[in-house]
Amino acid sequence: MAEEKKAPRKKIKATGEMQRIMSEYFYEMNDAVKTGSRKIAWCTSVGPAEILRSMGFLVHFPENHGAMLGATRLSTEYIPVANALGYSPDICSYLTADVGAYVKGVTPLAKAYPGINSVPKPDILVYNTNQCRDVQDWFVWYAKEFNVPCIGIQTHRGVGDVTESHFSSIAKQMQELIPTLEAVSGKKFDMDELKRVLALSRECSDLWKKVLDTAAAKPSPLTFFDGTIHMGPAVVLRGTQQAVNYYKLLLAELEERIKNKDAAVEDEQFRLYWEGMPVWGRLSNHSNLFSNLRTNVLASTYCNSWIFTAFDAKDPFMSMARAYTELFIVRSDKAKEKYIKDMMAFFKVDGIIYHDAKTCPNNSNCRYGMPQRLEKETGLPSLTINGDLNDMRLVSDEQTKTNVEAFIEQLEERKK
């Protein structure tokens, strides 16, 4: 293997603007709680946020807060607090970290945004089980804690071809949320407003896809690790003009990088695809590890989870239902494998990294032979990293480093 050298990390100029709009987002909710000027809804990250925004709710996403706990490396300290309440160490460590931190009165928001001392108290919680059943249990716990309503959508699992029979049932469940949301918000549902919000969500989604697709360029102007940070507005601000404006700015910067052949990883030699959750407490470590090996982990299924090409303002409920049922995480292995093969070809990668996240079986796709099947079909090698999204007790830095270095050596041998 070539001698390891320290590679400079290319900073994205638009980051400052992203930080500004994210700050506005959190402070607006904090002020609304203090003044009672707006109602707050908690929503799962791929739940019906568009409906909530159209009805005047400000929207908080506990999964985003869980990721912040992981990225700031606070999560491991508070997971045991939730375990003591009866939550297993084997379930979602977003859930256990978030609940544990809440019980102890801790939030990473306090350090990032002075004056914000807690998560915003919800007036209602709305979930969609398209990710997993954990989100339902998570939200039900908070509903009891705050004594507020909790409503949700029960979605399909293991879906092959998405048909109208799948998404028509989801559309009906979405419509059935409306009476409770009207009662809590004090506002009547307005179809025109939903269409307006959904059109903004679709525009955000299309721009976010264009941003991620820039990584197909050689050299890539973007890394997966950049993507995990810059996906923030696509998650918590979709349906707003701020998110649309931000991704226009970011896309222009990345297109300029492509024009100038300005690589995210200096002297890019190898290109990899990441399948699974990020290891939030090791984003910087992993970014440096790969870039020092002249390797760009440049694309992922995870960051693409907030691309909703089915959104159509002309038919809001059916198109939302379709978009939220086409999600990778709810699909059959056959559908997932086709998706990954297409992505690996589009991004012209040399191999794939699977993250086997201990507490996230729904987003760990390496447990039932998929790596072996895909390697046989594509001829591209894979490496499985054992770890977790939030519980750093389950992560071995030395083992990860050794395995990654050996994998890059394998790619070098193939290249020869």
Protein backbone atom coordinates (compact mmCIF):
# COMPACT_ATOMS: atom_id res chain seq x y z
CA MET A 1 0.00 0.00 0.00
CA ALA A 2 1.17 3.54 -0.70
CA GLU A 3 2.57 5.33 2.33
CA GLU A 4 -0.19 7.05 4.24
CA LYS A 5 -0.19 10.83 4.05
CA LYS A 6 -2.36 13.43 5.67
CA ALA A 7 -4.83 14.72 3.10
CA PRO A 8 -6.37 18.16 3.59
CA ARG A 9 -10.12 18.18 3.99
CA LYS A 10 -11.86 20.38 1.44
CA LYS A 11 -14.32 22.69 3.13
CA ILE A 12 -17.63 23.51 1.46
CA LYS A 13 -18.16 27.27 1.40
CA ALA A 14 -21.96 26.96 1.61
CA THR A 15 -21.67 25.39 5.07
CA GLY A 16 -21.97 28.80 6.74
CA GLU A 17 -25.32 29.42 5.07
CA MET A 18 -26.56 25.99 6.09
CA GLN A 19 -25.60 26.70 9.69
CA ARG A 20 -27.47 30.00 9.52
CA ILE A 21 -30.78 28.53 8.30
CA MET A 22 -30.54 25.62 10.72
CA SER A 23 -30.01 28.11 13.54
CA GLU A 24 -33.12 30.04 12.44
CA TYR A 25 -35.08 26.77 12.40
CA PHE A 26 -34.19 25.85 15.98
CA TYR A 27 -34.60 29.36 17.39
CA GLU A 28 -38.02 29.76 15.73
CA MET A 29 -39.27 26.65 17.52
CA ASN A 30 -37.72 27.75 20.79
CA ASP A 31 -39.40 31.15 20.57
CA ALA A 32 -42.74 29.54 19.66
CA VAL A 33 -42.63 27.41 22.80
CA LYS A 34 -41.88 30.46 24.96
CA THR A 35 -44.59 32.64 23.46
CA GLY A 36 -47.15 30.01 22.52
CA SER A 37 -47.36 31.65 19.09
CA ARG A 38 -47.18 28.42 17.06
CA LYS A 39 -48.06 24.79 17.63
CA ILE A 40 -45.25 22.22 17.58
CA ALA A 41 -45.53 18.81 15.95
CA TRP A 42 -42.93 16.08 16.30
CA CYS A 43 -42.52 13.99 13.16
CA THR A 44 -40.48 10.99 12.08
CA SER A 45 -37.83 11.89 9.52
CA VAL A 46 -39.70 10.36 6.57
CA GLY A 47 -43.14 11.03 7.97
CA PRO A 48 -45.84 13.36 6.59
CA ALA A 49 -44.06 16.63 7.40
CA GLU A 50 -45.72 18.36 4.44
CA ILE A 51 -49.17 17.89 5.96
CA LEU A 52 -47.98 19.30 9.27
CA ARG A 53 -46.35 22.36 7.72
CA SER A 54 -49.41 23.06 5.60
CA MET A 55 -51.48 23.22 8.79
CA GLY A 56 -49.20 25.77 10.44
CA PHE A 57 -47.19 23.48 12.71
CA LEU A 58 -43.49 23.99 13.34
CA VAL A 59 -41.92 20.56 13.01
CA HIS A 60 -39.31 18.91 15.23
CA PHE A 61 -37.60 15.67 14.18
CA PRO A 62 -36.38 13.53 17.10
CA GLU A 63 -34.21 11.41 14.77
CA ASN A 64 -32.30 14.55 13.82
CA HIS A 65 -31.84 15.24 17.52
CA GLY A 66 -30.67 11.64 17.98
CA ALA A 67 -28.09 12.10 15.22
CA MET A 68 -26.90 15.31 16.90
CA LEU A 69 -26.45 13.37 20.15
CA GLY A 70 -24.37 10.85 18.21
CA ALA A 71 -22.29 13.40 16.29
CA THR A 72 -21.47 15.28 19.51
CA ARG A 73 -20.60 11.93 21.16
CA LEU A 74 -23.07 12.46 24.00
CA SER A 75 -25.24 9.48 23.11
CA THR A 76 -23.17 6.73 24.70
CA GLU A 77 -23.48 8.40 28.11
CA TYR A 78 -27.29 8.55 27.99
CA ILE A 79 -28.22 5.27 26.29
CA PRO A 80 -27.91 3.42 29.65
CA VAL A 81 -30.46 5.82 31.17
CA ALA A 82 -33.09 4.58 28.70
CA ASN A 83 -31.93 1.00 29.24
CA ALA A 84 -32.73 1.46 32.94
CA LEU A 85 -36.30 2.41 31.94
CA GLY A 86 -36.71 -0.93 30.25
CA TYR A 87 -35.53 -0.20 26.70
CA SER A 88 -33.24 -2.94 25.45
CA PRO A 89 -29.61 -2.09 24.51
CA ASP A 90 -30.35 -3.83 21.20
CA ILE A 91 -33.04 -1.43 19.95
CA CYS A 92 -32.54 1.84 18.06
CA SER A 93 -29.80 3.88 19.71
CA TYR A 94 -31.40 7.07 18.36
CA LEU A 95 -34.38 6.21 20.57
CA THR A 96 -32.38 5.25 23.65
CA ALA A 97 -29.96 8.19 23.36
CA ASP A 98 -32.79 10.68 22.85
CA VAL A 99 -34.97 9.36 25.68
CA GLY A 100 -31.99 9.07 28.03
CA ALA A 101 -30.85 12.61 27.31
CA TYR A 102 -34.38 13.93 27.81
CA VAL A 103 -34.66 12.19 31.19
CA LYS A 104 -31.39 13.82 32.26
CA GLY A 105 -32.36 17.22 30.85
CA VAL A 106 -29.53 17.29 28.31
CA THR A 107 -29.52 18.41 24.67
CA PRO A 108 -26.69 19.23 22.24
CA LEU A 109 -28.84 22.16 21.12
CA ALA A 110 -27.82 24.02 24.31
CA LYS A 111 -24.18 24.19 23.25
CA ALA A 112 -24.81 24.88 19.58
CA TYR A 113 -27.57 27.46 20.13
CA PRO A 114 -27.22 29.54 23.33
CA GLY A 115 -30.57 30.13 24.99
CA ILE A 116 -32.07 26.81 23.88
CA ASN A 117 -32.06 24.56 26.92
CA SER A 118 -34.36 21.74 25.87
CA VAL A 119 -36.12 20.13 22.94
CA PRO A 120 -39.39 21.92 22.04
CA LYS A 121 -42.44 20.60 23.88
CA PRO A 122 -44.79 18.95 21.38
CA ASP A 123 -48.49 19.61 20.97
CA ILE A 124 -48.83 16.41 18.94
CA LEU A 125 -46.59 13.58 17.69
CA VAL A 126 -46.96 12.03 14.23
CA TYR A 127 -45.05 8.93 13.08
CA ASN A 128 -44.75 6.73 10.05
CA THR A 129 -43.53 3.16 10.60
CA ASN A 130 -41.94 3.03 7.13
CA GLN A 131 -38.59 3.10 8.94
CA CYS A 132 -39.24 0.67 11.76
CA ARG A 133 -41.56 -0.04 14.69
CA ASP A 134 -39.12 1.70 17.04
CA VAL A 135 -40.36 5.14 15.98
CA GLN A 136 -43.86 4.28 17.13
CA ASP A 137 -42.71 3.13 20.58
CA TRP A 138 -40.47 6.19 20.81
CA PHE A 139 -43.29 8.63 20.05
CA VAL A 140 -45.82 6.85 22.25
CA TRP A 141 -43.42 7.22 25.21
CA TYR A 142 -43.19 10.98 24.65
CA ALA A 143 -46.95 11.29 24.15
CA LYS A 144 -47.45 9.86 27.64
CA GLU A 145 -44.68 12.04 29.04
CA PHE A 146 -46.18 15.26 27.63
CA ASN A 147 -49.83 14.12 27.76
CA VAL A 148 -50.46 15.00 24.12
CA PRO A 149 -51.96 13.04 21.19
CA CYS A 150 -49.86 10.59 19.17
CA ILE A 151 -51.11 9.54 15.73
CA GLY A 152 -49.44 7.67 12.92
CA ILE A 153 -49.30 5.65 9.75
CA GLN A 154 -48.74 1.91 9.59
CA THR A 155 -46.87 1.19 6.39
CA HIS A 156 -45.95 -1.88 4.33
CA ARG A 157 -42.68 -3.82 4.65
CA GLY A 158 -40.69 -5.94 2.21
CA VAL A 159 -42.36 -4.32 -0.79
CA GLY A 160 -41.29 -5.50 -4.24
CA ASP A 161 -43.05 -3.55 -6.98
CA VAL A 162 -44.89 -0.59 -5.49
CA THR A 163 -48.48 -0.73 -6.72
CA GLU A 164 -51.59 1.37 -6.18
CA SER A 165 -52.86 -1.16 -3.64
CA HIS A 166 -49.85 -0.27 -1.50
CA PHE A 167 -49.99 3.48 -1.61
CA SER A 168 -53.77 3.95 -1.75
CA SER A 169 -54.03 2.51 1.76
CA ILE A 170 -51.28 4.85 2.98
CA ALA A 171 -53.00 7.83 1.35
CA LYS A 172 -56.21 6.99 3.22
CA GLN A 173 -54.31 6.80 6.53
CA MET A 174 -52.78 10.22 5.81
CA GLN A 175 -56.21 11.72 5.18
CA GLU A 176 -57.46 10.22 8.43
CA LEU A 177 -54.84 12.24 10.34
CA ILE A 178 -56.49 15.50 9.35
CA PRO A 179 -59.34 15.74 11.93
CA THR A 180 -56.97 15.30 14.88
CA LEU A 181 -54.49 17.76 13.37
CA GLU A 182 -57.28 20.30 12.88
CA ALA A 183 -58.37 19.90 16.50
CA VAL A 184 -54.83 20.44 17.82
CA SER A 185 -53.81 23.22 15.43
CA GLY A 186 -57.13 25.08 15.57
CA LYS A 187 -56.94 25.46 11.78
CA LYS A 188 -58.94 23.93 8.98
CA PHE A 189 -57.05 21.84 6.48
CA ASP A 190 -56.34 23.78 3.26
CA MET A 191 -55.64 21.69 0.14
CA ASP A 192 -54.12 24.64 -1.72
CA GLU A 193 -51.65 25.20 1.09
CA LEU A 194 -50.69 21.52 1.08
CA LYS A 195 -50.09 21.73 -2.67
CA ARG A 196 -47.85 24.76 -2.15
CA VAL A 197 -45.81 23.06 0.57
CA LEU A 198 -45.55 19.82 -1.39
CA ALA A 199 -44.32 21.68 -4.48
CA LEU A 200 -41.52 23.16 -2.35
CA SER A 201 -40.72 19.71 -0.97
CA ARG A 202 -40.48 18.31 -4.49
CA GLU A 203 -38.20 21.17 -5.57
CA CYS A 204 -36.02 20.58 -2.50
CA SER A 205 -35.92 16.86 -3.28
CA ASP A 206 -34.93 17.43 -6.91
CA LEU A 207 -32.15 19.83 -5.94
CA TRP A 208 -30.88 17.47 -3.24
CA LYS A 209 -30.70 14.68 -5.82
CA LYS A 210 -28.71 16.93 -8.15
CA VAL A 211 -26.35 17.74 -5.28
CA LEU A 212 -25.74 14.07 -4.52
CA ASP A 213 -25.44 13.18 -8.20
CA THR A 214 -22.47 15.54 -8.60
CA ALA A 215 -20.43 12.79 -6.92
CA ALA A 216 -20.62 10.84 -10.20
CA ALA A 217 -18.01 13.24 -11.61
CA LYS A 218 -14.36 12.19 -11.65
CA PRO A 219 -12.90 13.38 -9.38
CA SER A 220 -15.90 13.73 -7.12
CA PRO A 221 -16.52 17.18 -5.61
CA LEU A 222 -18.37 15.64 -2.67
CA THR A 223 -18.00 12.88 -0.08
CA PHE A 224 -20.60 10.78 1.72
CA PHE A 225 -19.44 12.43 4.94
CA ASP A 226 -20.23 15.86 3.47
CA GLY A 227 -23.63 14.50 2.49
CA THR A 228 -24.50 13.45 6.04
CA ILE A 229 -24.00 17.05 7.18
CA HIS A 230 -25.58 18.88 4.26
CA MET A 231 -28.68 16.68 4.25
CA GLY A 232 -29.91 18.64 7.30
CA PRO A 233 -32.20 21.05 5.40
CA ALA A 234 -33.61 18.20 3.27
CA VAL A 235 -34.66 16.45 6.48
CA VAL A 236 -35.92 19.25 8.74
CA LEU A 237 -36.74 22.07 6.30
CA ARG A 238 -38.27 20.35 3.30
CA GLY A 239 -41.42 22.14 2.29
CA THR A 240 -39.80 25.54 2.88
CA GLN A 241 -38.24 28.12 0.56
CA GLN A 242 -35.13 28.21 2.78
CA ALA A 243 -34.24 24.61 1.89
CA VAL A 244 -34.76 25.27 -1.83
CA ASN A 245 -32.56 28.36 -1.75
CA TYR A 246 -29.84 26.53 0.15
CA TYR A 247 -29.56 23.63 -2.26
CA LYS A 248 -29.39 26.02 -5.22
CA LEU A 249 -26.39 27.63 -3.52
CA LEU A 250 -24.72 24.32 -2.67
CA LEU A 251 -25.33 22.88 -6.15
CA ALA A 252 -23.73 25.91 -7.82
CA GLU A 253 -20.62 25.49 -5.65
CA LEU A 254 -20.31 21.79 -6.45
CA GLU A 255 -20.82 22.39 -10.17
CA GLU A 256 -18.02 24.95 -10.03
CA ARG A 257 -15.82 22.34 -8.37
CA ILE A 258 -16.57 19.90 -11.19
CA LYS A 259 -15.73 22.54 -13.79
CA ASN A 260 -12.37 23.16 -12.09
CA LYS A 261 -11.77 19.44 -11.38
CA ASP A 262 -11.53 20.37 -7.70
CA ALA A 263 -11.63 17.04 -5.86
CA ALA A 264 -13.16 16.54 -2.42
CA VAL A 265 -10.39 13.98 -1.78
CA GLU A 266 -6.99 14.98 -3.08
CA ASP A 267 -5.50 12.59 -5.66
CA GLU A 268 -8.63 10.43 -5.68
CA GLN A 269 -7.60 6.84 -6.49
CA PHE A 270 -10.55 4.79 -5.32
CA ARG A 271 -14.29 5.41 -5.15
CA LEU A 272 -16.57 3.61 -2.69
CA TYR A 273 -20.28 3.36 -1.96
CA TRP A 274 -21.53 3.35 1.66
CA GLU A 275 -24.50 1.15 2.48
CA GLY A 276 -26.15 1.64 5.86
CA MET A 277 -26.25 4.23 8.61
CA PRO A 278 -23.36 6.62 9.32
CA VAL A 279 -21.34 6.10 12.48
CA TRP A 280 -22.26 9.53 13.80
CA GLY A 281 -19.62 9.68 16.49
CA ARG A 282 -16.89 8.87 13.97
CA LEU A 283 -17.75 11.00 10.92
CA SER A 284 -14.55 13.02 11.10
CA ASN A 285 -12.40 9.97 11.92
CA HIS A 286 -13.81 7.98 9.01
CA SER A 287 -13.57 10.90 6.61
CA ASN A 288 -9.90 11.33 7.46
CA LEU A 289 -9.23 7.59 7.39
CA PHE A 290 -10.48 7.22 3.82
CA SER A 291 -9.11 10.50 2.46
CA ASN A 292 -5.65 9.68 3.82
CA LEU A 293 -5.87 6.50 1.75
CA ARG A 294 -6.77 8.59 -1.34
CA THR A 295 -10.21 7.01 -1.27
CA ASN A 296 -13.49 8.84 -1.59
CA VAL A 297 -16.57 7.27 -0.03
CA LEU A 298 -18.78 9.37 -2.25
CA ALA A 299 -22.33 8.00 -2.36
CA SER A 300 -24.80 6.18 -0.16
CA THR A 301 -28.31 4.85 0.12
CA TYR A 302 -28.73 6.75 3.37
CA CYS A 303 -28.38 10.28 2.01
CA ASN A 304 -30.69 9.40 -0.88
CA SER A 305 -33.46 8.56 1.61
CA TRP A 306 -34.71 12.16 1.32
CA ILE A 307 -35.22 12.09 -2.45
CA PHE A 308 -38.95 11.93 -3.19
CA THR A 309 -39.38 11.99 -6.96
CA ALA A 310 -42.99 10.79 -6.67
CA PHE A 311 -44.15 14.03 -5.01
CA ASP A 312 -46.76 15.69 -7.21
CA ALA A 313 -48.62 18.81 -6.07
CA LYS A 314 -51.49 17.92 -8.42
CA ASP A 315 -52.27 14.80 -6.39
CA PRO A 316 -50.87 15.39 -2.88
CA PHE A 317 -52.08 12.45 -0.82
CA MET A 318 -51.52 9.72 -3.40
CA SER A 319 -48.13 11.06 -4.44
CA MET A 320 -46.96 11.44 -0.83
CA ALA A 321 -48.13 7.93 -0.08
CA ARG A 322 -46.26 6.61 -3.10
CA ALA A 323 -43.07 8.51 -2.22
CA TYR A 324 -43.09 7.30 1.37
CA THR A 325 -43.76 3.72 0.23
CA GLU A 326 -41.00 3.69 -2.40
CA LEU A 327 -38.37 4.25 0.30
CA PHE A 328 -35.43 1.87 0.09
CA ILE A 329 -35.84 0.75 3.70
CA VAL A 330 -39.33 -0.74 3.15
CA ARG A 331 -38.45 -2.63 -0.02
CA SER A 332 -37.71 -6.30 -0.65
CA ASP A 333 -34.12 -7.51 -0.94
CA LYS A 334 -34.56 -7.96 -4.68
CA ALA A 335 -35.63 -4.34 -5.09
CA LYS A 336 -32.84 -3.15 -2.79
CA GLU A 337 -30.19 -5.08 -4.71
CA LYS A 338 -31.31 -3.59 -8.03
CA TYR A 339 -31.19 -0.12 -6.50
CA ILE A 340 -27.67 -0.62 -5.14
CA LYS A 341 -26.40 -2.08 -8.41
CA ASP A 342 -27.76 0.93 -10.31
CA MET A 343 -26.14 3.30 -7.82
CA MET A 344 -22.77 1.56 -7.98
CA ALA A 345 -22.81 1.78 -11.77
CA PHE A 346 -23.92 5.42 -11.83
CA PHE A 347 -21.24 6.56 -9.39
CA LYS A 348 -18.57 4.35 -11.00
CA VAL A 349 -17.35 2.91 -7.71
CA ASP A 350 -14.60 0.36 -7.08
CA GLY A 351 -16.33 -1.32 -4.15
CA ILE A 352 -18.87 -1.01 -1.38
CA ILE A 353 -18.71 -0.56 2.40
CA TYR A 354 -21.53 -2.10 4.45
CA HIS A 355 -22.09 -0.78 7.96
CA ASP A 356 -23.60 -3.47 10.17
CA ALA A 357 -25.15 -1.21 12.81
CA LYS A 358 -25.83 -3.27 15.92
CA THR A 359 -28.98 -1.39 16.97
CA CYS A 360 -30.38 -0.71 13.49
CA PRO A 361 -31.25 -3.99 11.74
CA ASN A 362 -33.65 -2.21 9.37
CA ASN A 363 -30.79 -0.19 7.90
CA SER A 364 -28.17 -2.98 7.97
CA ASN A 365 -28.42 -4.87 4.69
CA CYS A 366 -25.43 -7.18 5.10
CA ARG A 367 -27.01 -9.85 7.32
CA TYR A 368 -28.79 -12.06 4.79
CA GLY A 369 -26.22 -12.61 2.06
CA MET A 370 -26.67 -9.39 0.08
CA PRO A 371 -22.92 -8.54 -0.06
CA GLN A 372 -22.11 -11.96 -1.48
CA ARG A 373 -24.94 -11.84 -4.03
CA LEU A 374 -24.01 -8.36 -5.23
CA GLU A 375 -20.31 -9.17 -5.44
CA LYS A 376 -21.12 -12.21 -7.57
CA GLU A 377 -23.30 -10.12 -9.89
CA THR A 378 -21.11 -7.01 -10.16
CA GLY A 379 -17.62 -8.35 -9.57
CA LEU A 380 -17.00 -5.48 -7.14
CA PRO A 381 -15.60 -6.33 -3.69
CA SER A 382 -17.16 -5.32 -0.39
CA LEU A 383 -16.16 -4.77 3.22
CA THR A 384 -18.46 -4.99 6.24
CA ILE A 385 -17.73 -2.68 9.17
CA ASN A 386 -19.24 -3.65 12.51
CA GLY A 387 -20.40 -0.75 14.63
CA ASP A 388 -23.44 1.38 15.42
CA LEU A 389 -25.01 4.70 14.57
CA ASN A 390 -24.90 6.12 18.12
CA ASP A 391 -23.53 3.63 20.67
CA MET A 392 -19.76 4.04 20.45
CA ARG A 393 -19.23 1.13 22.86
CA LEU A 394 -19.98 -1.04 19.84
CA VAL A 395 -17.31 0.58 17.65
CA SER A 396 -13.68 -0.56 17.45
CA ASP A 397 -11.56 2.14 15.84
CA GLU A 398 -8.50 -0.08 15.52
CA GLN A 399 -10.44 -2.93 13.94
CA THR A 400 -12.12 -0.53 11.51
CA LYS A 401 -8.79 1.05 10.54
CA THR A 402 -7.11 -2.33 10.03
CA ASN A 403 -9.97 -3.69 7.94
CA VAL A 404 -10.26 -0.56 5.81
CA GLU A 405 -6.54 -0.48 5.11
CA ALA A 406 -6.60 -4.16 4.11
CA PHE A 407 -9.58 -3.48 1.83
CA ILE A 408 -7.79 -0.62 0.06
CA GLU A 409 -4.78 -2.90 -0.38
CA GLN A 410 -7.14 -5.37 -2.06
CA LEU A 411 -8.36 -2.62 -4.40
CA GLU A 412 -4.77 -1.68 -5.20
CA GLU A 413 -3.98 -5.26 -6.12
CA ARG A 414 -7.05 -5.40 -8.36
CA LYS A 415 -5.97 -2.18 -10.02
CA LYS A 416 -2.55 -3.64 -10.82
